N, C-alpha and C. Protein backbone atom coordinates (compact mmCIF):
# COMPACT_ATOMS: atom_id res chain seq x y z
N UNK A 1 20.06 -57.91 -11.11
CA UNK A 1 19.29 -57.96 -12.16
C UNK A 1 19.44 -60.22 -12.13
N UNK A 2 19.39 -60.39 -10.90
CA UNK A 2 19.88 -62.24 -10.53
C UNK A 2 18.12 -62.55 -10.55
N UNK A 3 17.39 -62.47 -11.63
CA UNK A 3 16.27 -63.50 -11.72
C UNK A 3 16.15 -64.44 -12.29
N UNK A 4 16.08 -65.72 -11.55
CA UNK A 4 16.53 -66.67 -11.79
C UNK A 4 15.49 -68.19 -11.15
N UNK A 5 15.43 -68.89 -11.61
CA UNK A 5 14.24 -69.83 -10.62
C UNK A 5 13.16 -69.81 -11.61
N UNK A 6 12.11 -70.41 -10.70
CA UNK A 6 10.67 -70.75 -11.32
C UNK A 6 10.03 -69.13 -11.06
N UNK A 7 9.04 -69.18 -12.08
CA UNK A 7 8.59 -67.52 -12.43
C UNK A 7 7.00 -68.38 -12.79
N UNK A 8 6.12 -67.13 -13.41
CA UNK A 8 4.32 -67.47 -13.47
C UNK A 8 4.85 -66.12 -14.67
N UNK A 9 4.31 -66.78 -15.84
CA UNK A 9 4.52 -65.82 -17.12
C UNK A 9 2.48 -65.18 -17.65
N UNK A 10 2.62 -64.47 -17.76
CA UNK A 10 1.84 -63.57 -18.44
C UNK A 10 2.17 -62.52 -19.75
N UNK A 11 0.94 -62.77 -20.84
CA UNK A 11 1.17 -61.90 -22.34
C UNK A 11 0.24 -60.63 -21.82
N UNK A 12 0.60 -59.58 -22.12
CA UNK A 12 -0.15 -58.57 -22.61
C UNK A 12 -0.34 -57.87 -23.70
N UNK A 13 -1.33 -57.29 -24.41
CA UNK A 13 -1.47 -56.87 -25.60
C UNK A 13 -2.27 -55.55 -25.76
N UNK A 14 -1.68 -54.27 -26.36
CA UNK A 14 -2.93 -52.99 -26.15
C UNK A 14 -2.45 -52.75 -27.64
N UNK A 15 -3.47 -52.58 -28.48
CA UNK A 15 -3.40 -51.69 -29.87
C UNK A 15 -1.55 -52.69 -30.47
N UNK A 16 -0.50 -52.02 -30.92
CA UNK A 16 0.24 -52.73 -31.51
C UNK A 16 1.34 -52.92 -30.31
N UNK A 17 0.87 -52.66 -29.28
CA UNK A 17 2.03 -53.14 -28.07
C UNK A 17 2.08 -54.19 -27.89
N UNK A 18 3.32 -55.33 -27.16
CA UNK A 18 3.15 -56.74 -26.87
C UNK A 18 4.14 -56.73 -25.50
N UNK A 19 3.80 -57.35 -24.29
CA UNK A 19 4.66 -57.28 -23.29
C UNK A 19 4.57 -58.40 -22.85
N UNK A 20 5.75 -59.46 -22.71
CA UNK A 20 5.44 -60.82 -21.96
C UNK A 20 6.38 -60.37 -20.58
N UNK A 21 5.61 -60.61 -19.50
CA UNK A 21 5.60 -60.26 -17.88
C UNK A 21 5.97 -61.87 -17.22
N UNK A 22 7.24 -61.38 -16.31
CA UNK A 22 7.65 -62.65 -15.97
C UNK A 22 7.65 -62.01 -14.05
N UNK A 23 7.03 -63.06 -13.31
CA UNK A 23 6.95 -62.68 -12.08
C UNK A 23 7.80 -63.95 -11.49
N UNK A 24 8.70 -63.72 -10.40
CA UNK A 24 9.29 -64.35 -10.05
C UNK A 24 9.46 -64.13 -8.42
N UNK A 25 9.45 -65.09 -7.56
CA UNK A 25 9.93 -64.80 -6.05
C UNK A 25 10.87 -63.84 -5.83
N UNK A 26 10.61 -62.97 -5.23
CA UNK A 26 11.31 -61.63 -4.94
C UNK A 26 11.39 -60.44 -4.13
N UNK A 27 11.64 -59.54 -4.34
CA UNK A 27 11.69 -58.59 -3.34
C UNK A 27 10.92 -57.19 -3.87
N UNK A 28 10.58 -57.16 -4.84
CA UNK A 28 10.23 -56.01 -5.76
C UNK A 28 10.56 -55.31 -7.11
N UNK A 29 11.51 -56.07 -7.45
CA UNK A 29 12.91 -55.70 -7.91
C UNK A 29 11.96 -55.64 -9.81
N UNK A 30 12.06 -54.70 -10.40
CA UNK A 30 11.19 -54.37 -11.56
C UNK A 30 12.04 -53.61 -12.79
N UNK A 31 11.85 -54.94 -13.70
CA UNK A 31 13.39 -54.30 -14.99
C UNK A 31 11.95 -54.94 -16.03
N UNK A 32 12.62 -53.42 -17.12
CA UNK A 32 11.55 -53.56 -18.73
C UNK A 32 12.47 -52.61 -19.58
N UNK A 33 12.97 -53.97 -20.13
CA UNK A 33 13.49 -54.49 -21.17
C UNK A 33 15.14 -53.73 -20.82
N UNK A 34 15.33 -54.63 -19.79
CA UNK A 34 16.86 -54.37 -19.41
C UNK A 34 17.02 -53.00 -18.49
N UNK A 35 15.72 -52.35 -18.06
CA UNK A 35 16.03 -50.70 -17.25
C UNK A 35 15.23 -51.21 -16.41
N UNK A 36 15.32 -50.22 -15.46
CA UNK A 36 14.58 -50.18 -13.94
C UNK A 36 13.01 -49.53 -15.17
N UNK A 37 11.94 -49.83 -14.22
CA UNK A 37 10.77 -49.42 -14.03
C UNK A 37 10.54 -47.92 -14.52
N UNK A 38 11.17 -47.14 -13.48
CA UNK A 38 11.33 -45.50 -13.60
C UNK A 38 11.74 -45.22 -14.28
N UNK A 39 12.67 -45.34 -15.32
CA UNK A 39 14.04 -45.60 -16.15
C UNK A 39 13.19 -45.83 -17.87
N UNK A 40 12.62 -47.01 -17.47
CA UNK A 40 11.91 -46.95 -19.03
C UNK A 40 10.66 -46.26 -19.36
N UNK A 41 9.63 -46.11 -18.33
CA UNK A 41 8.43 -45.12 -18.12
C UNK A 41 8.34 -44.48 -17.27
N UNK A 42 8.97 -42.99 -17.89
CA UNK A 42 9.06 -41.38 -17.34
C UNK A 42 8.01 -41.29 -16.40
N UNK A 43 7.00 -40.92 -17.54
CA UNK A 43 5.42 -40.82 -16.61
C UNK A 43 5.21 -41.10 -15.57
N UNK A 44 4.69 -40.92 -14.47
CA UNK A 44 4.29 -40.97 -13.50
C UNK A 44 2.90 -41.86 -13.52
N UNK A 45 2.15 -41.13 -14.15
CA UNK A 45 0.53 -41.64 -15.05
C UNK A 45 0.78 -43.27 -15.20
N UNK A 46 1.42 -43.34 -16.16
CA UNK A 46 2.20 -44.72 -16.61
C UNK A 46 2.80 -45.58 -15.60
N UNK A 47 3.21 -45.55 -14.60
CA UNK A 47 4.07 -46.27 -13.70
C UNK A 47 2.71 -46.55 -12.45
N UNK A 48 1.77 -45.31 -11.92
CA UNK A 48 0.85 -46.20 -11.52
C UNK A 48 -0.39 -47.17 -12.06
N UNK A 49 0.00 -46.75 -13.46
CA UNK A 49 -1.07 -47.94 -14.19
C UNK A 49 -0.15 -49.29 -14.04
N UNK A 50 0.78 -49.20 -14.65
CA UNK A 50 1.09 -50.55 -14.35
C UNK A 50 1.25 -51.15 -13.15
N UNK A 51 1.72 -50.69 -11.86
CA UNK A 51 1.48 -51.06 -10.58
C UNK A 51 0.42 -51.42 -10.08
N UNK A 52 -0.84 -50.86 -10.58
CA UNK A 52 -2.11 -50.88 -10.07
C UNK A 52 -2.40 -52.36 -9.80
N UNK A 53 -2.48 -53.13 -10.81
CA UNK A 53 -3.02 -54.56 -10.63
C UNK A 53 -2.20 -55.09 -9.04
N UNK A 54 -1.03 -54.60 -8.98
CA UNK A 54 -0.26 -55.61 -7.64
C UNK A 54 -0.60 -54.49 -6.50
N UNK A 55 -1.07 -53.54 -6.36
CA UNK A 55 -1.72 -52.97 -5.56
C UNK A 55 -3.29 -52.83 -5.10
N UNK A 56 -3.89 -53.09 -6.05
CA UNK A 56 -5.00 -54.07 -5.82
C UNK A 56 -5.24 -54.84 -4.95
N UNK A 57 -4.32 -56.09 -5.52
CA UNK A 57 -4.42 -57.59 -4.91
C UNK A 57 -3.51 -57.20 -3.65
N UNK A 58 -2.13 -56.45 -3.28
CA UNK A 58 -1.86 -56.63 -2.12
C UNK A 58 -0.60 -57.23 -1.95
N UNK A 59 0.28 -57.25 -3.40
CA UNK A 59 1.14 -57.61 -3.30
C UNK A 59 2.78 -56.91 -3.80
N UNK A 60 2.30 -55.51 -3.41
CA UNK A 60 3.43 -55.06 -3.77
C UNK A 60 4.96 -55.40 -3.26
N UNK A 61 5.88 -55.31 -3.91
CA UNK A 61 7.13 -55.78 -3.52
C UNK A 61 6.98 -57.08 -3.25
N UNK A 62 6.40 -58.36 -3.66
CA UNK A 62 6.13 -59.42 -3.20
C UNK A 62 7.09 -60.21 -4.14
N UNK A 63 7.16 -59.65 -5.42
CA UNK A 63 7.62 -60.57 -6.85
C UNK A 63 8.53 -59.53 -7.39
N UNK A 64 9.47 -60.12 -7.99
CA UNK A 64 10.50 -59.45 -8.83
C UNK A 64 10.11 -60.10 -10.18
N UNK A 65 9.90 -58.96 -11.28
CA UNK A 65 9.12 -58.66 -12.06
C UNK A 65 9.89 -57.85 -13.18
N UNK A 66 10.25 -59.22 -14.35
CA UNK A 66 10.94 -59.00 -15.48
C UNK A 66 10.01 -58.91 -16.78
N UNK A 67 9.91 -57.68 -17.48
CA UNK A 67 9.05 -57.75 -18.45
C UNK A 67 9.90 -57.27 -20.21
N UNK A 68 9.42 -57.85 -21.21
CA UNK A 68 10.16 -57.48 -22.25
C UNK A 68 8.98 -56.95 -23.23
N UNK A 69 8.94 -55.58 -23.15
CA UNK A 69 7.69 -55.07 -24.14
C UNK A 69 8.44 -54.53 -25.58
N UNK A 70 7.29 -54.98 -26.98
CA UNK A 70 7.96 -54.19 -27.91
C UNK A 70 6.56 -53.93 -28.58
N UNK A 71 6.97 -52.63 -29.56
CA UNK A 71 5.63 -52.29 -30.10
C UNK A 71 4.72 -51.27 -29.66
N UNK A 72 4.23 -50.43 -30.54
CA UNK A 72 3.38 -49.35 -30.39
C UNK A 72 3.26 -48.34 -29.35
N UNK A 73 2.84 -47.40 -28.50
CA UNK A 73 3.58 -46.39 -28.32
C UNK A 73 3.70 -46.49 -26.68
N UNK A 74 3.92 -45.37 -25.84
CA UNK A 74 4.47 -45.71 -24.33
C UNK A 74 3.14 -45.77 -23.53
N UNK A 75 2.35 -45.61 -24.07
CA UNK A 75 0.89 -45.66 -23.20
C UNK A 75 0.10 -47.23 -23.47
N UNK A 76 0.37 -47.68 -24.65
CA UNK A 76 -0.31 -48.89 -24.90
C UNK A 76 0.53 -49.86 -24.42
N UNK A 77 2.37 -49.97 -24.47
CA UNK A 77 2.97 -50.51 -23.57
C UNK A 77 2.87 -50.40 -22.24
N UNK A 78 2.40 -49.69 -21.79
CA UNK A 78 2.08 -49.01 -20.00
C UNK A 78 0.81 -50.62 -19.80
N UNK A 79 -0.46 -50.22 -20.78
CA UNK A 79 -1.51 -51.03 -20.83
C UNK A 79 -1.25 -52.35 -21.35
N UNK A 80 -0.24 -52.48 -21.82
CA UNK A 80 -0.14 -54.26 -22.49
C UNK A 80 0.92 -55.03 -21.20
N UNK A 81 1.68 -54.17 -19.71
CA UNK A 81 2.03 -54.61 -18.84
C UNK A 81 1.44 -55.00 -17.91
N UNK A 82 0.23 -53.81 -18.06
CA UNK A 82 -0.49 -53.57 -17.15
C UNK A 82 -1.75 -55.28 -16.70
N UNK A 83 -2.05 -55.55 -18.07
CA UNK A 83 -2.75 -57.00 -18.56
C UNK A 83 -2.06 -58.48 -17.92
N UNK A 84 -0.59 -58.07 -18.86
CA UNK A 84 0.27 -59.05 -19.00
C UNK A 84 0.72 -59.43 -17.31
N UNK A 85 0.88 -58.25 -16.32
CA UNK A 85 0.57 -58.16 -14.98
C UNK A 85 -0.57 -59.30 -14.10
N UNK A 86 -1.44 -58.58 -14.21
CA UNK A 86 -2.71 -59.08 -14.14
C UNK A 86 -3.12 -60.65 -14.39
N UNK A 87 -2.47 -61.28 -15.78
CA UNK A 87 -2.76 -62.30 -15.87
C UNK A 87 -1.83 -63.53 -15.07
N UNK A 88 -0.36 -63.27 -14.59
CA UNK A 88 0.58 -63.85 -14.35
C UNK A 88 0.09 -63.87 -13.06
N UNK A 89 -0.21 -62.98 -12.28
CA UNK A 89 -1.06 -62.73 -10.84
C UNK A 89 -2.19 -64.02 -11.13
N UNK A 90 -3.04 -64.27 -11.87
CA UNK A 90 -4.00 -65.33 -11.48
C UNK A 90 -3.32 -66.64 -11.65
N UNK A 91 -2.39 -66.74 -12.53
CA UNK A 91 -1.51 -68.12 -12.46
C UNK A 91 -1.06 -68.50 -11.12
N UNK A 92 -0.81 -67.51 -10.74
CA UNK A 92 -0.04 -67.60 -8.72
C UNK A 92 -1.31 -68.15 -8.18
N UNK A 93 -2.16 -67.36 -8.32
CA UNK A 93 -3.33 -67.41 -7.00
C UNK A 93 -4.96 -67.42 -8.18
N UNK A 94 -5.60 -68.07 -7.94
CA UNK A 94 -6.73 -67.70 -8.96
C UNK A 94 -7.57 -67.47 -8.23
N UNK A 95 -7.57 -67.34 -7.26
CA UNK A 95 -8.96 -66.87 -6.12
C UNK A 95 -8.88 -65.31 -6.32
N UNK A 96 -7.55 -64.73 -7.26
CA UNK A 96 -7.37 -63.12 -7.46
C UNK A 96 -8.09 -62.66 -8.39
N UNK A 97 -9.05 -63.79 -9.05
CA UNK A 97 -9.91 -63.22 -10.35
C UNK A 97 -11.19 -62.54 -9.83
N UNK A 98 -11.75 -62.47 -9.18
CA UNK A 98 -12.73 -61.68 -8.70
C UNK A 98 -12.46 -60.34 -8.81
N UNK A 99 -11.34 -60.30 -7.48
CA UNK A 99 -10.62 -58.47 -7.53
C UNK A 99 -9.97 -58.00 -8.72
N UNK A 100 -9.39 -58.82 -9.38
CA UNK A 100 -8.76 -58.33 -10.72
C UNK A 100 -9.93 -58.05 -11.75
N UNK A 101 -10.73 -58.59 -11.81
CA UNK A 101 -12.01 -58.68 -12.94
C UNK A 101 -13.36 -57.58 -12.35
N UNK A 102 -12.92 -56.98 -11.06
CA UNK A 102 -13.60 -55.65 -10.69
C UNK A 102 -12.93 -54.90 -10.82
N UNK A 103 -11.94 -54.67 -10.79
CA UNK A 103 -10.98 -53.66 -11.26
C UNK A 103 -10.76 -53.32 -12.48
N UNK A 104 -11.14 -54.30 -13.52
CA UNK A 104 -11.05 -54.38 -14.66
C UNK A 104 -9.68 -54.49 -15.06
N UNK A 105 -8.72 -55.32 -14.62
CA UNK A 105 -7.61 -55.77 -15.12
C UNK A 105 -7.44 -57.06 -15.86
N UNK A 106 -8.42 -57.32 -16.35
CA UNK A 106 -8.29 -58.66 -16.82
C UNK A 106 -8.88 -58.42 -18.26
N UNK A 107 -9.88 -57.41 -18.69
CA UNK A 107 -9.91 -57.38 -19.82
C UNK A 107 -9.17 -56.78 -20.89
N UNK A 108 -9.07 -57.34 -21.87
CA UNK A 108 -8.69 -56.49 -23.06
C UNK A 108 -9.05 -55.72 -23.72
N UNK A 109 -8.45 -54.67 -24.04
CA UNK A 109 -8.99 -53.33 -24.30
C UNK A 109 -8.51 -53.70 -25.95
N UNK A 110 -9.84 -53.83 -26.70
CA UNK A 110 -9.81 -54.23 -28.10
C UNK A 110 -9.99 -52.62 -28.94
N UNK A 111 -9.92 -51.79 -28.78
CA UNK A 111 -9.66 -51.17 -29.40
C UNK A 111 -8.41 -50.75 -30.11
N UNK A 112 -8.53 -50.66 -31.45
CA UNK A 112 -6.87 -50.48 -32.50
C UNK A 112 -7.44 -49.16 -33.32
N UNK A 113 -6.27 -49.23 -34.13
CA UNK A 113 -6.36 -48.17 -35.00
C UNK A 113 -7.73 -48.40 -36.14
N UNK A 114 -8.28 -47.75 -36.65
CA UNK A 114 -9.00 -47.54 -37.95
C UNK A 114 -8.38 -47.46 -38.89
N UNK A 115 -9.09 -48.47 -40.28
CA UNK A 115 -8.54 -48.28 -41.33
C UNK A 115 -8.81 -47.16 -42.11
N UNK A 116 -8.06 -46.60 -43.09
CA UNK A 116 -8.54 -45.40 -43.86
C UNK A 116 -9.10 -46.47 -44.73
N UNK A 117 -10.33 -45.19 -45.26
CA UNK A 117 -11.21 -45.68 -46.29
C UNK A 117 -11.03 -44.65 -47.61
N UNK A 118 -11.34 -45.58 -48.94
CA UNK A 118 -11.49 -44.51 -49.98
C UNK A 118 -12.10 -43.38 -49.92
N UNK A 119 -11.30 -42.51 -50.83
CA UNK A 119 -11.99 -41.23 -51.02
C UNK A 119 -11.72 -40.13 -49.94
N UNK A 120 -11.24 -40.88 -48.46
CA UNK A 120 -10.90 -40.15 -47.45
C UNK A 120 -9.49 -39.97 -47.06
N UNK A 121 -9.09 -38.69 -46.14
CA UNK A 121 -7.88 -38.63 -46.06
C UNK A 121 -7.45 -39.40 -45.23
N UNK A 122 -8.01 -39.68 -43.92
CA UNK A 122 -7.66 -40.58 -42.97
C UNK A 122 -9.04 -41.69 -42.74
N UNK A 123 -9.13 -41.93 -41.54
CA UNK A 123 -10.23 -43.27 -41.71
C UNK A 123 -11.47 -42.36 -41.82
N UNK A 124 -11.67 -41.43 -41.12
CA UNK A 124 -12.96 -40.32 -41.14
C UNK A 124 -12.73 -38.96 -41.62
N UNK A 125 -11.98 -38.43 -41.53
CA UNK A 125 -11.60 -37.20 -42.47
C UNK A 125 -11.85 -36.90 -43.65
N UNK A 126 -12.70 -36.34 -44.20
CA UNK A 126 -13.22 -36.22 -45.63
C UNK A 126 -12.39 -34.87 -46.30
N UNK A 127 -11.89 -34.68 -47.43
CA UNK A 127 -11.30 -33.84 -47.72
C UNK A 127 -12.31 -32.17 -47.70
N UNK A 128 -11.92 -31.51 -47.61
CA UNK A 128 -12.80 -30.14 -47.63
C UNK A 128 -13.54 -30.08 -48.63
N UNK A 129 -14.88 -29.58 -48.53
CA UNK A 129 -15.78 -29.27 -49.80
C UNK A 129 -15.89 -27.65 -50.25
N UNK A 130 -16.31 -28.04 -51.38
CA UNK A 130 -16.05 -26.93 -52.09
C UNK A 130 -16.82 -26.49 -52.62
N UNK A 131 -17.79 -25.57 -52.52
CA UNK A 131 -19.30 -25.41 -53.22
C UNK A 131 -19.10 -24.83 -54.58
N UNK A 132 -17.86 -23.99 -54.44
CA UNK A 132 -17.87 -23.73 -56.11
C UNK A 132 -16.25 -23.65 -56.51
């Protein structure tokens, strides 16, 4: 984990998750909160989601990536990391914008948990109706 020197940074967010992603020149080392990518994100679908921007732009194994991610759940964190990587790639090469935009990697997913309403058990679940 000798990631030192110049880097580009991208911040990604999704629901309650925030990811700070740093891309260094290197050979493909990927560290998330001090662990390897596969150790931190154990599900295959999350790993594929995270690596999608790199695959779409052809930059697999061209950067050492350091990620600090906090808050939320596993899928939210994975999507936050994906957005952070896309934003950092954009700083490295602005010509990638059409490709990243076309695949939907630059769009922040604005969906968040809906607030609980008065008189209801949750945001939309009503108490059971009894006629008598």
